Amino acid sequence: MQNLPFSKTDQERIVAAIRNAEMATSGEVRVHIEQSCPETDVMERAKQVFAQLGMHQTALKNGVLFYLAFGDRKFAVLGDKEIDERVPAGFWDAIRDQMRAHFVKEAFSEGLSTGIEQAGQQLKKYFPRQDNDTNELSDDISFG
C-alpha cells in the first residue's frame, strides 16, 4: 500500500494490542486499514468490510472491527450484535473520542491500540475467555 502511515513497528504494536485484548476474552478484534473510503458513509463501509472479513460468522457474535481510511481521515468502530447489545450506552462514542484524540496528531497506531485496549476491557466483562476458546479470526491487520 502506497504512503502507508504505519511502520513495521506500528503494525506489530497494533497486532500485539489485538492479541493482548483477546487473551482475556472469547471476543474477536480485527483492524482494517485503507487509504480512502469508497463509501460516503464510513459506517456503511465498515459494515461491508465486517462482512468481507467474515466477522459476522463468529460463534458468539462478539467481534469488533476497527476501520480506518487514513487518507480521508475517516474511521469507525463496529461491534457485532451481541457485544453491541451488552456494552453501555455511549461506549462506542467514548472509544471513538479517545481514538480521535490520537488521530488528530496522526498517531494512528496509538489511537488504534487505545481503542483496541478499551474494547478488550468490555469484551472481557461480557465475553470472558473460555478454556476451550479458539481464535476464530486472524489477528493480522487487513489492508484495502
N, C-alpha and C. Protein backbone atom coordinates (compact mmCIF):
# COMPACT_ATOMS: atom_id res chain seq x y z
N MET A 1 0.86 -1.18 0.00
CA MET A 1 0.00 0.00 0.00
C MET A 1 0.89 1.23 0.00
N GLN A 2 0.66 2.11 -0.90
CA GLN A 2 1.48 3.29 -1.04
C GLN A 2 1.17 4.32 0.04
N ASN A 3 2.23 4.96 0.55
CA ASN A 3 2.10 6.03 1.55
C ASN A 3 1.42 5.56 2.84
N LEU A 4 1.63 4.32 3.19
CA LEU A 4 1.05 3.79 4.41
C LEU A 4 1.71 4.46 5.62
N PRO A 5 0.90 5.09 6.50
CA PRO A 5 1.49 5.80 7.64
C PRO A 5 1.77 4.88 8.83
N PHE A 6 2.10 3.62 8.56
CA PHE A 6 2.38 2.65 9.60
C PHE A 6 3.70 1.96 9.31
N SER A 7 4.63 2.11 10.24
CA SER A 7 5.89 1.37 10.11
C SER A 7 5.63 -0.08 10.49
N LYS A 8 6.62 -0.91 10.27
CA LYS A 8 6.51 -2.31 10.68
C LYS A 8 6.29 -2.37 12.20
N THR A 9 6.98 -1.51 12.94
CA THR A 9 6.83 -1.47 14.39
C THR A 9 5.41 -1.06 14.77
N ASP A 10 4.83 -0.09 14.06
CA ASP A 10 3.45 0.32 14.32
C ASP A 10 2.49 -0.84 14.10
N GLN A 11 2.70 -1.56 13.00
CA GLN A 11 1.83 -2.69 12.70
C GLN A 11 1.96 -3.78 13.76
N GLU A 12 3.19 -4.04 14.20
CA GLU A 12 3.41 -5.04 15.25
C GLU A 12 2.73 -4.61 16.55
N ARG A 13 2.76 -3.32 16.83
CA ARG A 13 2.12 -2.80 18.05
C ARG A 13 0.61 -3.04 18.02
N ILE A 14 0.01 -2.80 16.86
CA ILE A 14 -1.44 -2.98 16.72
C ILE A 14 -1.81 -4.46 16.86
N VAL A 15 -1.05 -5.33 16.20
CA VAL A 15 -1.32 -6.77 16.31
C VAL A 15 -1.13 -7.23 17.75
N ALA A 16 -0.11 -6.71 18.44
CA ALA A 16 0.11 -7.07 19.84
C ALA A 16 -1.08 -6.61 20.70
N ALA A 17 -1.63 -5.44 20.40
CA ALA A 17 -2.80 -4.95 21.14
C ALA A 17 -3.99 -5.88 20.92
N ILE A 18 -4.16 -6.36 19.70
CA ILE A 18 -5.25 -7.30 19.39
C ILE A 18 -5.05 -8.58 20.20
N ARG A 19 -3.87 -9.13 20.14
CA ARG A 19 -3.59 -10.39 20.84
C ARG A 19 -3.75 -10.23 22.35
N ASN A 20 -3.29 -9.11 22.89
CA ASN A 20 -3.42 -8.85 24.32
C ASN A 20 -4.89 -8.75 24.71
N ALA A 21 -5.68 -8.03 23.92
CA ALA A 21 -7.11 -7.88 24.21
C ALA A 21 -7.81 -9.23 24.17
N GLU A 22 -7.43 -10.07 23.21
CA GLU A 22 -8.11 -11.36 23.03
C GLU A 22 -7.65 -12.41 24.04
N MET A 23 -6.59 -12.15 24.80
CA MET A 23 -6.11 -13.13 25.78
C MET A 23 -7.11 -13.35 26.91
N ALA A 24 -7.93 -12.34 27.19
CA ALA A 24 -8.87 -12.43 28.31
C ALA A 24 -10.32 -12.58 27.87
N THR A 25 -10.54 -12.75 26.57
CA THR A 25 -11.92 -12.77 26.07
C THR A 25 -12.07 -13.77 24.93
N SER A 26 -13.30 -14.21 24.75
CA SER A 26 -13.61 -15.03 23.58
C SER A 26 -13.95 -14.13 22.39
N GLY A 27 -14.00 -12.83 22.62
CA GLY A 27 -14.29 -11.86 21.56
C GLY A 27 -13.19 -11.83 20.52
N GLU A 28 -13.53 -11.33 19.34
CA GLU A 28 -12.61 -11.25 18.22
C GLU A 28 -12.46 -9.80 17.77
N VAL A 29 -11.23 -9.35 17.61
CA VAL A 29 -10.94 -7.98 17.19
C VAL A 29 -10.20 -8.03 15.86
N ARG A 30 -10.64 -7.19 14.92
CA ARG A 30 -9.95 -7.05 13.63
C ARG A 30 -9.72 -5.57 13.36
N VAL A 31 -8.67 -5.30 12.59
CA VAL A 31 -8.35 -3.94 12.15
C VAL A 31 -8.23 -3.98 10.64
N HIS A 32 -8.93 -3.05 9.98
CA HIS A 32 -8.84 -2.93 8.52
C HIS A 32 -8.45 -1.49 8.20
N ILE A 33 -7.42 -1.36 7.36
CA ILE A 33 -6.89 -0.04 7.01
C ILE A 33 -6.86 0.11 5.50
N GLU A 34 -7.33 1.25 5.05
CA GLU A 34 -7.20 1.58 3.63
C GLU A 34 -6.98 3.08 3.50
N GLN A 35 -6.51 3.50 2.35
CA GLN A 35 -6.20 4.92 2.17
C GLN A 35 -7.47 5.75 2.08
N SER A 36 -8.43 5.28 1.30
CA SER A 36 -9.65 6.08 1.14
C SER A 36 -10.88 5.20 1.32
N CYS A 37 -11.94 5.84 1.75
CA CYS A 37 -13.21 5.17 1.98
C CYS A 37 -14.06 5.30 0.73
N PRO A 38 -14.37 4.19 0.06
CA PRO A 38 -15.13 4.28 -1.19
C PRO A 38 -16.60 4.62 -0.99
N GLU A 39 -17.07 4.65 0.21
CA GLU A 39 -18.46 4.98 0.52
C GLU A 39 -18.56 6.38 1.12
N THR A 40 -19.68 7.04 0.91
CA THR A 40 -19.92 8.33 1.54
C THR A 40 -20.03 8.17 3.05
N ASP A 41 -20.70 7.12 3.47
CA ASP A 41 -20.92 6.85 4.89
C ASP A 41 -19.89 5.84 5.38
N VAL A 42 -19.02 6.27 6.29
CA VAL A 42 -17.95 5.40 6.79
C VAL A 42 -18.50 4.17 7.51
N MET A 43 -19.64 4.30 8.19
CA MET A 43 -20.22 3.14 8.86
C MET A 43 -20.70 2.10 7.85
N GLU A 44 -21.20 2.56 6.72
CA GLU A 44 -21.61 1.63 5.66
C GLU A 44 -20.40 0.85 5.16
N ARG A 45 -19.28 1.54 4.97
CA ARG A 45 -18.06 0.86 4.53
C ARG A 45 -17.59 -0.12 5.60
N ALA A 46 -17.65 0.27 6.86
CA ALA A 46 -17.24 -0.63 7.95
C ALA A 46 -18.10 -1.89 7.94
N LYS A 47 -19.40 -1.74 7.68
CA LYS A 47 -20.29 -2.91 7.61
C LYS A 47 -19.90 -3.83 6.46
N GLN A 48 -19.52 -3.25 5.33
CA GLN A 48 -19.09 -4.04 4.18
C GLN A 48 -17.83 -4.84 4.52
N VAL A 49 -16.86 -4.16 5.13
CA VAL A 49 -15.60 -4.81 5.50
C VAL A 49 -15.86 -5.89 6.54
N PHE A 50 -16.72 -5.61 7.50
CA PHE A 50 -17.09 -6.57 8.54
C PHE A 50 -17.57 -7.87 7.89
N ALA A 51 -18.42 -7.73 6.89
CA ALA A 51 -18.94 -8.90 6.18
C ALA A 51 -17.84 -9.58 5.35
N GLN A 52 -17.03 -8.79 4.65
CA GLN A 52 -15.96 -9.35 3.82
C GLN A 52 -14.96 -10.16 4.64
N LEU A 53 -14.72 -9.72 5.87
CA LEU A 53 -13.77 -10.40 6.75
C LEU A 53 -14.41 -11.59 7.48
N GLY A 54 -15.70 -11.82 7.25
CA GLY A 54 -16.39 -12.94 7.87
C GLY A 54 -16.61 -12.76 9.36
N MET A 55 -16.61 -11.53 9.81
CA MET A 55 -16.73 -11.28 11.24
C MET A 55 -18.10 -11.61 11.80
N HIS A 56 -19.10 -11.65 10.95
CA HIS A 56 -20.46 -11.99 11.38
C HIS A 56 -20.62 -13.49 11.62
N GLN A 57 -19.58 -14.26 11.33
CA GLN A 57 -19.67 -15.71 11.46
C GLN A 57 -19.07 -16.24 12.76
N THR A 58 -18.68 -15.36 13.67
CA THR A 58 -18.15 -15.86 14.94
C THR A 58 -19.27 -16.50 15.74
N ALA A 59 -18.93 -17.51 16.50
CA ALA A 59 -19.92 -18.31 17.23
C ALA A 59 -20.77 -17.46 18.18
N LEU A 60 -20.14 -16.52 18.87
CA LEU A 60 -20.87 -15.74 19.88
C LEU A 60 -21.28 -14.33 19.40
N LYS A 61 -21.05 -14.04 18.13
CA LYS A 61 -21.42 -12.73 17.57
C LYS A 61 -20.82 -11.59 18.40
N ASN A 62 -19.51 -11.73 18.70
CA ASN A 62 -18.86 -10.77 19.57
C ASN A 62 -17.57 -10.20 18.97
N GLY A 63 -17.62 -9.96 17.68
CA GLY A 63 -16.48 -9.36 17.00
C GLY A 63 -16.56 -7.84 17.00
N VAL A 64 -15.38 -7.21 16.95
CA VAL A 64 -15.29 -5.75 16.88
C VAL A 64 -14.32 -5.40 15.75
N LEU A 65 -14.77 -4.54 14.85
CA LEU A 65 -13.93 -4.09 13.74
C LEU A 65 -13.52 -2.64 13.97
N PHE A 66 -12.22 -2.39 13.82
CA PHE A 66 -11.69 -1.02 13.80
C PHE A 66 -11.33 -0.74 12.34
N TYR A 67 -12.05 0.20 11.76
CA TYR A 67 -11.87 0.54 10.34
C TYR A 67 -11.25 1.94 10.26
N LEU A 68 -10.20 2.09 9.45
CA LEU A 68 -9.55 3.38 9.27
C LEU A 68 -9.26 3.62 7.80
N ALA A 69 -9.76 4.74 7.28
CA ALA A 69 -9.39 5.23 5.95
C ALA A 69 -8.55 6.48 6.20
N PHE A 70 -7.24 6.28 6.35
CA PHE A 70 -6.36 7.35 6.84
C PHE A 70 -6.27 8.54 5.89
N GLY A 71 -6.32 8.30 4.59
CA GLY A 71 -6.22 9.41 3.64
C GLY A 71 -7.43 10.33 3.67
N ASP A 72 -8.59 9.74 3.94
CA ASP A 72 -9.84 10.52 4.02
C ASP A 72 -10.12 11.01 5.44
N ARG A 73 -9.28 10.56 6.38
CA ARG A 73 -9.45 10.91 7.79
C ARG A 73 -10.83 10.47 8.30
N LYS A 74 -11.18 9.23 7.96
CA LYS A 74 -12.44 8.64 8.41
C LYS A 74 -12.13 7.34 9.15
N PHE A 75 -12.90 7.08 10.19
CA PHE A 75 -12.75 5.81 10.89
C PHE A 75 -14.06 5.44 11.56
N ALA A 76 -14.17 4.16 11.88
CA ALA A 76 -15.37 3.66 12.54
C ALA A 76 -15.00 2.48 13.42
N VAL A 77 -15.80 2.29 14.44
CA VAL A 77 -15.69 1.11 15.30
C VAL A 77 -17.05 0.44 15.23
N LEU A 78 -17.04 -0.84 14.87
CA LEU A 78 -18.29 -1.56 14.67
C LEU A 78 -18.26 -2.87 15.45
N GLY A 79 -19.22 -3.03 16.35
CA GLY A 79 -19.34 -4.27 17.12
C GLY A 79 -20.45 -5.13 16.58
N ASP A 80 -20.26 -6.43 16.64
CA ASP A 80 -21.29 -7.37 16.22
C ASP A 80 -22.46 -7.32 17.20
N LYS A 81 -23.52 -7.98 16.84
CA LYS A 81 -24.81 -7.91 17.54
C LYS A 81 -24.71 -8.11 19.05
N GLU A 82 -24.10 -9.18 19.48
CA GLU A 82 -24.09 -9.50 20.91
C GLU A 82 -23.28 -8.51 21.74
N ILE A 83 -22.10 -8.12 21.27
CA ILE A 83 -21.30 -7.16 22.04
C ILE A 83 -21.98 -5.80 22.02
N ASP A 84 -22.54 -5.44 20.88
CA ASP A 84 -23.20 -4.14 20.76
C ASP A 84 -24.40 -4.02 21.71
N GLU A 85 -25.09 -5.12 21.92
CA GLU A 85 -26.25 -5.10 22.82
C GLU A 85 -25.85 -5.04 24.30
N ARG A 86 -24.62 -5.41 24.62
CA ARG A 86 -24.22 -5.52 26.02
C ARG A 86 -23.41 -4.35 26.56
N VAL A 87 -22.67 -3.67 25.71
CA VAL A 87 -21.86 -2.56 26.22
C VAL A 87 -22.76 -1.40 26.61
N PRO A 88 -22.33 -0.57 27.55
CA PRO A 88 -23.16 0.55 27.99
C PRO A 88 -23.39 1.58 26.89
N ALA A 89 -24.49 2.31 27.02
CA ALA A 89 -24.80 3.38 26.06
C ALA A 89 -23.63 4.35 26.00
N GLY A 90 -23.30 4.77 24.79
CA GLY A 90 -22.21 5.73 24.60
C GLY A 90 -20.82 5.11 24.59
N PHE A 91 -20.75 3.80 24.77
CA PHE A 91 -19.44 3.14 24.84
C PHE A 91 -18.62 3.34 23.55
N TRP A 92 -19.24 3.07 22.41
CA TRP A 92 -18.51 3.21 21.15
C TRP A 92 -18.11 4.66 20.90
N ASP A 93 -18.96 5.60 21.31
CA ASP A 93 -18.62 7.02 21.15
C ASP A 93 -17.40 7.37 21.98
N ALA A 94 -17.32 6.83 23.20
CA ALA A 94 -16.18 7.11 24.07
C ALA A 94 -14.88 6.56 23.45
N ILE A 95 -14.96 5.37 22.88
CA ILE A 95 -13.77 4.81 22.22
C ILE A 95 -13.37 5.67 21.03
N ARG A 96 -14.35 6.06 20.23
CA ARG A 96 -14.05 6.90 19.06
C ARG A 96 -13.42 8.22 19.48
N ASP A 97 -13.92 8.82 20.55
CA ASP A 97 -13.35 10.10 21.02
C ASP A 97 -11.90 9.92 21.45
N GLN A 98 -11.59 8.84 22.15
CA GLN A 98 -10.21 8.59 22.57
C GLN A 98 -9.31 8.37 21.36
N MET A 99 -9.81 7.63 20.39
CA MET A 99 -9.03 7.37 19.19
C MET A 99 -8.80 8.67 18.41
N ARG A 100 -9.85 9.46 18.29
CA ARG A 100 -9.76 10.72 17.55
C ARG A 100 -8.68 11.63 18.13
N ALA A 101 -8.55 11.66 19.45
CA ALA A 101 -7.54 12.49 20.10
C ALA A 101 -6.13 12.12 19.61
N HIS A 102 -5.90 10.84 19.33
CA HIS A 102 -4.61 10.41 18.79
C HIS A 102 -4.53 10.67 17.29
N PHE A 103 -5.63 10.41 16.59
CA PHE A 103 -5.62 10.56 15.13
C PHE A 103 -5.37 11.99 14.68
N VAL A 104 -5.87 12.97 15.43
CA VAL A 104 -5.65 14.37 15.02
C VAL A 104 -4.16 14.71 15.05
N LYS A 105 -3.39 13.96 15.83
CA LYS A 105 -1.94 14.14 15.88
C LYS A 105 -1.24 13.17 14.94
N GLU A 106 -2.03 12.49 14.10
CA GLU A 106 -1.55 11.47 13.17
C GLU A 106 -0.82 10.34 13.89
N ALA A 107 -1.21 10.08 15.12
CA ALA A 107 -0.67 8.97 15.91
C ALA A 107 -1.65 7.80 15.74
N PHE A 108 -1.66 7.25 14.54
CA PHE A 108 -2.66 6.24 14.18
C PHE A 108 -2.49 4.94 14.97
N SER A 109 -1.26 4.46 15.11
CA SER A 109 -1.09 3.19 15.83
C SER A 109 -1.45 3.35 17.31
N GLU A 110 -1.14 4.50 17.89
CA GLU A 110 -1.51 4.75 19.29
C GLU A 110 -3.03 4.81 19.43
N GLY A 111 -3.70 5.47 18.50
CA GLY A 111 -5.16 5.56 18.54
C GLY A 111 -5.82 4.20 18.41
N LEU A 112 -5.35 3.41 17.45
CA LEU A 112 -5.91 2.08 17.27
C LEU A 112 -5.64 1.20 18.49
N SER A 113 -4.42 1.26 19.01
CA SER A 113 -4.07 0.45 20.18
C SER A 113 -4.92 0.83 21.39
N THR A 114 -5.15 2.11 21.59
CA THR A 114 -6.01 2.58 22.68
C THR A 114 -7.43 2.06 22.52
N GLY A 115 -7.98 2.19 21.33
CA GLY A 115 -9.33 1.71 21.08
C GLY A 115 -9.46 0.22 21.28
N ILE A 116 -8.47 -0.52 20.81
CA ILE A 116 -8.48 -1.97 20.95
C ILE A 116 -8.44 -2.35 22.43
N GLU A 117 -7.59 -1.67 23.19
CA GLU A 117 -7.50 -1.94 24.62
C GLU A 117 -8.84 -1.70 25.32
N GLN A 118 -9.49 -0.59 24.99
CA GLN A 118 -10.78 -0.26 25.60
C GLN A 118 -11.85 -1.30 25.22
N ALA A 119 -11.88 -1.68 23.97
CA ALA A 119 -12.85 -2.70 23.53
C ALA A 119 -12.56 -4.03 24.22
N GLY A 120 -11.29 -4.35 24.37
CA GLY A 120 -10.91 -5.59 25.04
C GLY A 120 -11.42 -5.65 26.48
N GLN A 121 -11.39 -4.51 27.16
CA GLN A 121 -11.90 -4.47 28.54
C GLN A 121 -13.39 -4.81 28.59
N GLN A 122 -14.15 -4.27 27.65
CA GLN A 122 -15.59 -4.58 27.62
C GLN A 122 -15.84 -6.02 27.19
N LEU A 123 -15.10 -6.48 26.20
CA LEU A 123 -15.26 -7.86 25.76
C LEU A 123 -14.96 -8.82 26.91
N LYS A 124 -13.95 -8.51 27.70
CA LYS A 124 -13.57 -9.36 28.83
C LYS A 124 -14.71 -9.46 29.86
N LYS A 125 -15.40 -8.34 30.08
CA LYS A 125 -16.51 -8.33 31.03
C LYS A 125 -17.67 -9.21 30.57
N TYR A 126 -18.02 -9.08 29.31
CA TYR A 126 -19.22 -9.73 28.80
C TYR A 126 -18.96 -11.06 28.12
N PHE A 127 -17.74 -11.27 27.65
CA PHE A 127 -17.38 -12.50 26.95
C PHE A 127 -16.02 -12.99 27.46
N PRO A 128 -15.96 -13.44 28.72
CA PRO A 128 -14.67 -13.91 29.24
C PRO A 128 -14.15 -15.09 28.44
N ARG A 129 -12.86 -15.20 28.41
CA ARG A 129 -12.22 -16.31 27.69
C ARG A 129 -12.62 -17.63 28.33
N GLN A 130 -12.92 -18.61 27.51
CA GLN A 130 -13.29 -19.94 27.97
C GLN A 130 -12.08 -20.88 27.82
N ASP A 131 -12.08 -21.96 28.57
CA ASP A 131 -10.98 -22.93 28.49
C ASP A 131 -10.82 -23.49 27.08
N ASN A 132 -11.92 -23.65 26.39
CA ASN A 132 -11.88 -24.24 25.05
C ASN A 132 -11.92 -23.18 23.93
N ASP A 133 -11.58 -21.95 24.27
CA ASP A 133 -11.65 -20.86 23.30
C ASP A 133 -10.67 -21.07 22.15
N THR A 134 -11.15 -20.77 20.95
CA THR A 134 -10.28 -20.80 19.78
C THR A 134 -10.30 -19.42 19.13
N ASN A 135 -9.20 -19.06 18.52
CA ASN A 135 -9.11 -17.79 17.81
C ASN A 135 -9.79 -17.97 16.46
N GLU A 136 -11.00 -17.43 16.34
CA GLU A 136 -11.80 -17.66 15.14
C GLU A 136 -11.38 -16.81 13.95
N LEU A 137 -10.77 -15.66 14.21
CA LEU A 137 -10.39 -14.75 13.13
C LEU A 137 -8.92 -14.36 13.26
N SER A 138 -8.30 -14.08 12.15
CA SER A 138 -6.90 -13.67 12.13
C SER A 138 -6.70 -12.40 12.96
N ASP A 139 -5.54 -12.32 13.62
CA ASP A 139 -5.19 -11.11 14.36
C ASP A 139 -4.46 -10.11 13.47
N ASP A 140 -4.11 -10.52 12.28
CA ASP A 140 -3.38 -9.63 11.38
C ASP A 140 -4.24 -8.48 10.90
N ILE A 141 -3.59 -7.38 10.60
CA ILE A 141 -4.27 -6.22 10.03
C ILE A 141 -4.60 -6.55 8.58
N SER A 142 -5.80 -6.20 8.15
CA SER A 142 -6.14 -6.35 6.73
C SER A 142 -6.05 -4.97 6.08
N PHE A 143 -5.65 -4.96 4.84
CA PHE A 143 -5.48 -3.71 4.09
C PHE A 143 -6.35 -3.75 2.84
N GLY A 144 -6.92 -2.59 2.52
CA GLY A 144 -7.74 -2.49 1.32
C GLY A 144 -7.15 -1.59 0.30
